[in-house]
Amino acid sequence: MNLPDQRKKHRITSLDIADRAGVSQATVSRVLSGSTLVSPETRRRVEEAVRDLNYKVDRHASSLRTQRASTLALLLFEDPTADDSGINPFFLAILGSVTRAAARHGQDLLVSFQQFSDDWHADYEDSMKADGLILLGYGDYVTHRAKLELLVAQDTHFVRWGAVLPDQPGITLGCDNVAGGRLAGEHLAAIGRCHVAFIGDASEHAPEFQARHTGFVEAMAEAGVEVDPALQVDAESTEESGYAAAQVLLARGLPFDGIFAACDTIALGAMRALREHGLRVPDDVAVVGFDGIPIAAYATPPLTTVAQNTAAAGERLVGALMAQIRGQPVEQVMLAPSLIVRDSSHPQAKA
């Protein structure tokens, strides 16, 4: 007697998971969708049952039922770089953190560059390529803001990493840049540097750099040191721009014994210009950067930097976006930076 149905291997379903874990099928669905409305103990039992039964989620069927793609899109701003990556080294660190966080939330991650089309939501969310967007980096913020306003008007789920400003469109998570600037200023003042230059755009077009400059000036003032505006030179977040800005600074002929660079790549370029000019770091000029990119530790000399918490950044970005997608409230957050002192700003006061 031919009994093909009896010989078929039983396909594990969410009902089997529910039975194994001793919960309802709805609870299993909540756990698999990443809902926060499940107790840790219940979540543990369901996840254990999933592993024991080797259950695989049918992502296509799930997306049809929920009208979700179970995919997040991470869009990077294309920066000028020394290599052909077009990705700021700082954002490479966040990219890794976001990738791991997305996996923990059971989400696939689509990575691309921001195209600045007229219809971002149609490119991603409305076409079900992704349930929401994570935006890393931007060019001129004044120009970029209009794109964010368009996303809000179209009810697109999105979060971005950048300057946390009042009344800005959407949800932004970022570093407490004013606090980071203060760390740099306090450190440079403590080692006796009284003529410190700032390299980086300190205008509303670059609000993160502007906030770092603000904190730096405040800290120096509290130490009794007035920052000379003539020691500020604009620069973009590249080594070549930092190199060129340092050349401009040197050409002005003003005395300076320290440099606070708005990011590490600018600092690395500035140190190259100082070396070519015959100045020693840190003996003649102490240098402090910002971001905490890995290569900073291997510079010559190793670069003192105000480090951003990239591990927490990735988890917070994904968590905030997932909360938005589920209709849960989300608040803007600023993460605290930390100072990493290395040889480029020797801790001994200048004689």
Protein backbone atom coordinates (compact mmCIF):
# COMPACT_ATOMS: atom_id res chain seq x y z
CA MET A 1 0.00 0.00 0.00
CA ASN A 2 1.38 3.34 -1.03
CA LEU A 3 1.28 5.78 1.90
CA PRO A 4 3.42 8.69 0.72
CA ASP A 5 2.01 11.09 3.31
CA GLN A 6 3.11 8.82 6.14
CA ARG A 7 6.62 8.66 4.80
CA LYS A 8 6.94 12.42 4.49
CA LYS A 9 9.13 14.03 7.12
CA HIS A 10 7.08 16.11 9.53
CA ARG A 11 7.70 19.82 8.90
CA ILE A 12 8.34 21.69 12.15
CA THR A 13 5.98 24.64 12.62
CA SER A 14 5.52 27.37 15.20
CA LEU A 15 2.80 25.19 16.74
CA ASP A 16 5.43 22.53 17.52
CA ILE A 17 7.62 25.21 19.09
CA ALA A 18 4.71 26.40 21.21
CA ASP A 19 3.97 22.86 22.39
CA ARG A 20 7.63 22.21 23.22
CA ALA A 21 8.02 25.51 25.13
CA GLY A 22 4.65 25.29 26.87
CA VAL A 23 3.41 28.62 25.49
CA SER A 24 0.83 29.81 22.97
CA GLN A 25 1.53 30.04 19.25
CA ALA A 26 1.02 33.81 19.51
CA THR A 27 3.80 34.00 22.09
CA VAL A 28 6.12 32.10 19.75
CA SER A 29 5.30 34.62 17.01
CA ARG A 30 6.09 37.50 19.33
CA VAL A 31 9.45 36.02 20.27
CA LEU A 32 10.38 35.32 16.63
CA SER A 33 9.41 38.86 15.60
CA GLY A 34 11.64 40.34 18.31
CA SER A 35 8.80 41.77 20.41
CA THR A 36 9.78 43.21 23.78
CA LEU A 37 6.42 42.15 25.26
CA VAL A 38 7.77 38.76 26.35
CA SER A 39 9.46 37.95 29.65
CA PRO A 40 13.13 36.89 29.54
CA GLU A 41 12.27 33.42 30.91
CA THR A 42 9.57 32.83 28.28
CA ARG A 43 11.89 34.07 25.56
CA ARG A 44 14.58 31.66 26.77
CA ARG A 45 12.20 28.67 26.64
CA VAL A 46 11.03 29.52 23.13
CA GLU A 47 14.56 30.07 21.82
CA GLU A 48 15.64 26.77 23.39
CA ALA A 49 12.74 24.97 21.68
CA VAL A 50 13.70 26.59 18.36
CA ARG A 51 17.24 25.27 18.71
CA ASP A 52 16.18 21.80 19.86
CA LEU A 53 13.76 21.35 16.95
CA ASN A 54 16.06 23.05 14.42
CA TYR A 55 13.20 25.33 13.41
CA LYS A 56 13.76 27.61 10.41
CA VAL A 57 11.62 30.69 9.89
CA ASP A 58 10.03 30.95 6.46
CA ARG A 59 11.04 34.58 5.90
CA HIS A 60 9.02 34.93 2.67
CA ALA A 61 5.79 33.66 4.22
CA SER A 62 6.39 35.75 7.31
CA SER A 63 6.84 38.93 5.29
CA LEU A 64 3.62 38.26 3.37
CA ARG A 65 1.70 37.86 6.64
CA THR A 66 3.18 40.89 8.38
CA GLN A 67 3.87 43.06 5.32
CA ARG A 68 7.44 43.31 6.57
CA ALA A 69 10.66 42.41 4.84
CA SER A 70 12.52 41.52 8.08
CA THR A 71 15.33 43.57 6.54
CA LEU A 72 16.86 46.88 7.57
CA ALA A 73 18.70 49.16 5.14
CA LEU A 74 21.88 50.87 6.26
CA LEU A 75 22.71 53.79 3.97
CA LEU A 76 26.18 55.32 4.09
CA PHE A 77 27.14 58.75 2.85
CA GLU A 78 29.89 58.44 0.24
CA ASP A 79 32.92 60.32 1.60
CA PRO A 80 36.16 61.18 -0.19
CA THR A 81 38.76 58.69 1.08
CA ALA A 82 42.39 57.81 0.36
CA ASP A 83 41.27 54.38 -0.89
CA ASP A 84 38.35 53.48 -3.15
CA SER A 85 35.96 52.51 -0.32
CA GLY A 86 34.25 55.90 -0.10
CA ILE A 87 33.46 55.14 3.56
CA ASN A 88 34.69 57.20 6.50
CA PRO A 89 36.76 54.85 8.75
CA PHE A 90 34.62 55.79 11.76
CA PHE A 91 31.48 54.58 10.03
CA LEU A 92 33.14 51.28 9.16
CA ALA A 93 33.30 50.59 12.90
CA ILE A 94 29.60 51.43 13.33
CA LEU A 95 28.77 49.28 10.30
CA GLY A 96 30.18 46.23 12.05
CA SER A 97 28.29 47.05 15.22
CA VAL A 98 24.99 47.56 13.35
CA THR A 99 25.47 44.27 11.49
CA ARG A 100 25.84 42.33 14.74
CA ALA A 101 22.90 44.13 16.37
CA ALA A 102 20.65 43.45 13.38
CA ALA A 103 21.50 39.75 13.57
CA ARG A 104 20.61 39.69 17.26
CA HIS A 105 17.22 41.17 16.37
CA GLY A 106 16.67 38.55 13.65
CA GLN A 107 16.97 41.10 10.85
CA ASP A 108 18.83 40.95 7.57
CA LEU A 109 20.87 44.03 6.70
CA LEU A 110 20.98 45.70 3.29
CA VAL A 111 23.99 48.03 2.95
CA SER A 112 24.20 50.72 0.28
CA PHE A 113 25.22 54.31 -0.32
CA GLN A 114 22.70 57.13 0.06
CA GLN A 115 21.56 58.05 -3.44
CA PHE A 116 19.62 61.19 -2.46
CA SER A 117 16.85 60.35 -4.92
CA ASP A 118 13.55 62.21 -4.66
CA ASP A 119 11.84 59.10 -3.31
CA TRP A 120 13.94 57.28 -0.71
CA HIS A 121 10.87 55.58 0.76
CA ALA A 122 9.90 54.18 -2.65
CA ASP A 123 13.45 52.90 -3.10
CA TYR A 124 13.33 50.94 0.15
CA GLU A 125 10.37 50.78 2.49
CA ASP A 126 7.46 51.12 0.05
CA SER A 127 8.95 48.48 -2.24
CA MET A 128 9.38 46.16 0.78
CA LYS A 129 13.14 45.99 0.29
CA ALA A 130 13.49 47.11 3.90
CA ASP A 131 11.28 47.93 6.87
CA GLY A 132 13.32 50.98 7.83
CA LEU A 133 16.49 52.95 7.21
CA ILE A 134 19.63 53.65 9.24
CA LEU A 135 21.48 56.68 7.93
CA LEU A 136 25.19 57.08 8.65
CA GLY A 137 26.94 60.32 7.78
CA TYR A 138 25.91 63.25 5.66
CA GLY A 139 27.48 66.06 3.70
CA ASP A 140 26.39 69.65 4.27
CA TYR A 141 23.77 69.35 7.04
CA VAL A 142 21.89 72.47 5.93
CA THR A 143 21.31 70.85 2.53
CA HIS A 144 20.77 67.37 3.98
CA ARG A 145 18.01 68.50 6.33
CA ALA A 146 15.49 68.84 3.49
CA LYS A 147 15.91 65.14 2.69
CA LEU A 148 15.20 64.22 6.31
CA GLU A 149 12.07 66.37 6.28
CA LEU A 150 10.89 64.49 3.19
CA LEU A 151 11.35 61.16 4.95
CA VAL A 152 9.28 62.39 7.90
CA ALA A 153 6.54 63.66 5.58
CA GLN A 154 6.37 60.23 3.94
CA ASP A 155 6.15 58.41 7.31
CA THR A 156 9.34 56.47 6.60
CA HIS A 157 10.83 54.56 9.53
CA PHE A 158 14.36 55.86 9.91
CA VAL A 159 17.05 56.72 12.44
CA ARG A 160 20.35 58.45 11.85
CA TRP A 161 23.68 58.82 13.57
CA GLY A 162 24.79 62.42 13.84
CA ALA A 163 24.37 65.67 15.73
CA VAL A 164 21.39 65.60 18.11
CA LEU A 165 19.80 69.01 17.57
CA PRO A 166 16.56 70.61 18.79
CA ASP A 167 13.60 70.51 16.38
CA GLN A 168 15.42 68.41 13.79
CA PRO A 169 13.49 65.98 11.56
CA GLY A 170 13.16 62.38 12.71
CA ILE A 171 15.08 60.46 15.36
CA THR A 172 18.82 61.00 15.72
CA LEU A 173 21.26 59.21 17.97
CA GLY A 174 24.75 60.54 18.40
CA CYS A 175 27.74 61.34 20.53
CA ASP A 176 27.70 64.10 23.14
CA ASN A 177 30.05 66.17 21.03
CA VAL A 178 30.14 69.16 23.37
CA ALA A 179 31.25 66.85 26.21
CA GLY A 180 33.85 65.33 23.89
CA GLY A 181 35.20 68.75 22.98
CA ARG A 182 35.44 69.58 26.65
CA LEU A 183 37.48 66.43 27.29
CA ALA A 184 39.95 67.51 24.62
CA GLY A 185 40.15 71.08 25.91
CA GLU A 186 40.58 70.02 29.52
CA HIS A 187 43.37 67.63 28.57
CA LEU A 188 45.26 70.17 26.46
CA ALA A 189 44.94 72.84 29.16
CA ALA A 190 46.11 70.37 31.83
CA ILE A 191 49.34 69.69 29.93
CA GLY A 192 50.04 73.39 29.65
CA ARG A 193 49.07 74.13 26.05
CA CYS A 194 47.94 77.75 25.82
CA HIS A 195 47.83 78.36 22.05
CA VAL A 196 45.70 75.57 20.65
CA ALA A 197 44.40 75.49 17.08
CA PHE A 198 41.13 73.87 16.01
CA ILE A 199 41.05 72.18 12.61
CA GLY A 200 37.58 71.45 11.28
CA ASP A 201 34.46 73.26 10.08
CA ALA A 202 32.90 74.96 13.12
CA SER A 203 29.73 76.19 11.38
CA GLU A 204 26.09 75.03 11.23
CA HIS A 205 26.95 73.16 8.04
CA ALA A 206 28.90 70.65 10.18
CA PRO A 207 27.03 70.60 13.53
CA GLU A 208 29.05 67.72 15.04
CA PHE A 209 32.33 69.56 14.43
CA GLN A 210 30.70 72.78 15.63
CA ALA A 211 29.65 71.15 18.92
CA ARG A 212 33.17 69.74 19.45
CA HIS A 213 34.59 73.22 18.92
CA THR A 214 32.09 74.68 21.39
CA GLY A 215 33.05 72.23 24.14
CA PHE A 216 36.73 72.75 23.48
CA VAL A 217 36.44 76.57 23.73
CA GLU A 218 34.38 76.29 26.93
CA ALA A 219 36.92 74.02 28.61
CA MET A 220 39.87 76.19 27.65
CA ALA A 221 38.06 79.30 28.93
CA GLU A 222 37.40 77.61 32.27
CA ALA A 223 41.13 76.92 32.46
CA GLY A 224 41.84 80.62 31.87
CA VAL A 225 42.93 80.21 28.25
CA GLU A 226 41.32 82.25 25.48
CA VAL A 227 41.16 80.46 22.13
CA ASP A 228 42.35 82.66 19.25
CA PRO A 229 39.80 82.53 16.37
CA ALA A 230 42.70 82.98 13.93
CA LEU A 231 43.89 79.48 14.92
CA GLN A 232 40.78 77.84 13.48
CA VAL A 233 40.98 76.36 9.96
CA ASP A 234 38.15 74.59 8.13
CA ALA A 235 38.67 70.98 7.08
CA GLU A 236 36.61 68.01 5.93
CA SER A 237 36.94 64.57 7.51
CA THR A 238 39.88 63.31 5.43
CA GLU A 239 43.62 63.05 5.95
CA GLU A 240 44.30 65.15 2.86
CA SER A 241 42.00 67.89 4.14
CA GLY A 242 43.72 67.82 7.54
CA TYR A 243 47.11 68.01 5.85
CA ALA A 244 46.06 70.99 3.73
CA ALA A 245 44.46 72.77 6.71
CA ALA A 246 47.62 72.36 8.78
CA GLN A 247 49.62 73.86 5.91
CA VAL A 248 47.29 76.87 5.95
CA LEU A 249 47.69 77.16 9.72
CA LEU A 250 51.49 77.05 9.46
CA ALA A 251 51.47 79.65 6.68
CA ARG A 252 49.67 82.14 8.95
CA GLY A 253 52.79 82.34 11.08
CA LEU A 254 50.89 82.44 14.38
CA PRO A 255 52.41 80.59 17.34
CA PHE A 256 50.57 77.44 18.43
CA ASP A 257 51.54 74.57 20.72
CA GLY A 258 48.53 72.30 20.28
CA ILE A 259 45.97 71.13 17.74
CA PHE A 260 42.51 69.78 18.44
CA ALA A 261 41.31 68.16 15.23
CA ALA A 262 37.57 67.65 14.71
CA CYS A 263 38.19 63.99 13.76
CA ASP A 264 41.03 61.48 13.75
CA THR A 265 41.57 61.50 9.98
CA ILE A 266 42.06 65.28 10.07
CA ALA A 267 44.52 64.84 12.96
CA LEU A 268 46.53 62.22 11.06
CA GLY A 269 46.87 64.53 8.06
CA ALA A 270 47.84 67.45 10.31
CA MET A 271 50.59 65.43 11.98
CA ARG A 272 52.08 64.65 8.58
CA ALA A 273 52.20 68.36 7.76
CA LEU A 274 53.83 69.14 11.12
CA ARG A 275 56.54 66.51 10.52
CA GLU A 276 57.30 67.90 7.08
CA HIS A 277 57.62 71.35 8.64
CA GLY A 278 60.17 70.06 11.15
CA LEU A 279 57.87 70.23 14.18
CA ARG A 280 57.88 67.42 16.74
CA VAL A 281 54.70 65.86 18.12
CA PRO A 282 54.13 66.25 21.05
CA ASP A 283 57.22 68.24 22.06
CA ASP A 284 56.46 71.24 19.85
CA VAL A 285 52.77 70.63 19.14
CA ALA A 286 50.42 68.31 21.04
CA VAL A 287 47.69 66.79 18.86
CA VAL A 288 44.28 65.42 19.87
CA GLY A 289 41.76 63.85 17.47
CA PHE A 290 38.17 62.69 17.77
CA ASP A 291 36.37 59.39 16.96
CA GLY A 292 38.69 56.65 18.19
CA ILE A 293 39.24 54.91 14.84
CA PRO A 294 41.53 51.86 15.16
CA ILE A 295 44.31 53.23 12.95
CA ALA A 296 44.81 56.14 15.38
CA ALA A 297 46.54 53.77 17.81
CA TYR A 298 49.14 52.90 15.16
CA ALA A 299 49.99 56.43 14.01
CA THR A 300 53.46 57.89 14.57
CA PRO A 301 53.22 58.88 17.35
CA PRO A 302 50.02 57.10 18.49
CA LEU A 303 47.17 59.61 18.46
CA THR A 304 45.35 60.84 21.54
CA THR A 305 41.65 60.77 20.71
CA VAL A 306 38.17 61.35 22.07
CA ALA A 307 36.58 57.97 21.37
CA GLN A 308 32.95 57.42 20.44
CA ASN A 309 31.21 54.26 21.66
CA THR A 310 30.61 52.44 18.37
CA ALA A 311 29.45 49.20 20.02
CA ALA A 312 26.66 50.99 21.87
CA ALA A 313 25.91 53.07 18.78
CA GLY A 314 25.07 50.04 16.65
CA GLU A 315 22.85 48.46 19.29
CA ARG A 316 21.03 51.73 20.00
CA LEU A 317 20.46 52.48 16.30
CA VAL A 318 18.98 49.07 15.55
CA GLY A 319 16.96 49.04 18.76
CA ALA A 320 15.51 52.48 18.05
CA LEU A 321 14.58 51.55 14.48
CA MET A 322 12.95 48.28 15.56
CA ALA A 323 10.93 50.18 18.17
CA GLN A 324 9.75 52.62 15.50
CA ILE A 325 8.71 49.78 13.22
CA ARG A 326 6.65 48.27 16.05
CA GLY A 327 5.01 51.60 16.80
CA GLN A 328 6.76 52.06 20.14
CA PRO A 329 7.99 55.44 21.43
CA VAL A 330 11.62 56.32 20.70
CA GLU A 331 13.74 59.06 22.23
CA GLN A 332 16.83 60.76 20.88
CA VAL A 333 19.99 59.74 22.74
CA MET A 334 23.49 61.15 23.10
CA LEU A 335 26.20 58.67 24.11
CA ALA A 336 29.08 59.77 26.32
CA PRO A 337 32.57 59.78 24.74
CA SER A 338 35.83 58.94 26.50
CA LEU A 339 39.36 60.33 26.26
CA ILE A 340 42.17 57.97 25.26
CA VAL A 341 45.55 59.59 25.97
CA ARG A 342 48.45 58.46 23.79
CA ASP A 343 51.87 59.79 22.84
CA SER A 344 50.68 62.60 20.53
CA SER A 345 49.81 64.65 23.63
CA HIS A 346 52.36 63.67 26.21
CA PRO A 347 50.75 64.05 29.66
CA GLN A 348 53.69 66.07 31.03
CA ALA A 349 53.20 69.84 31.02
CA LYS A 350 55.16 71.77 28.44
CA ALA A 351 58.23 73.44 29.96
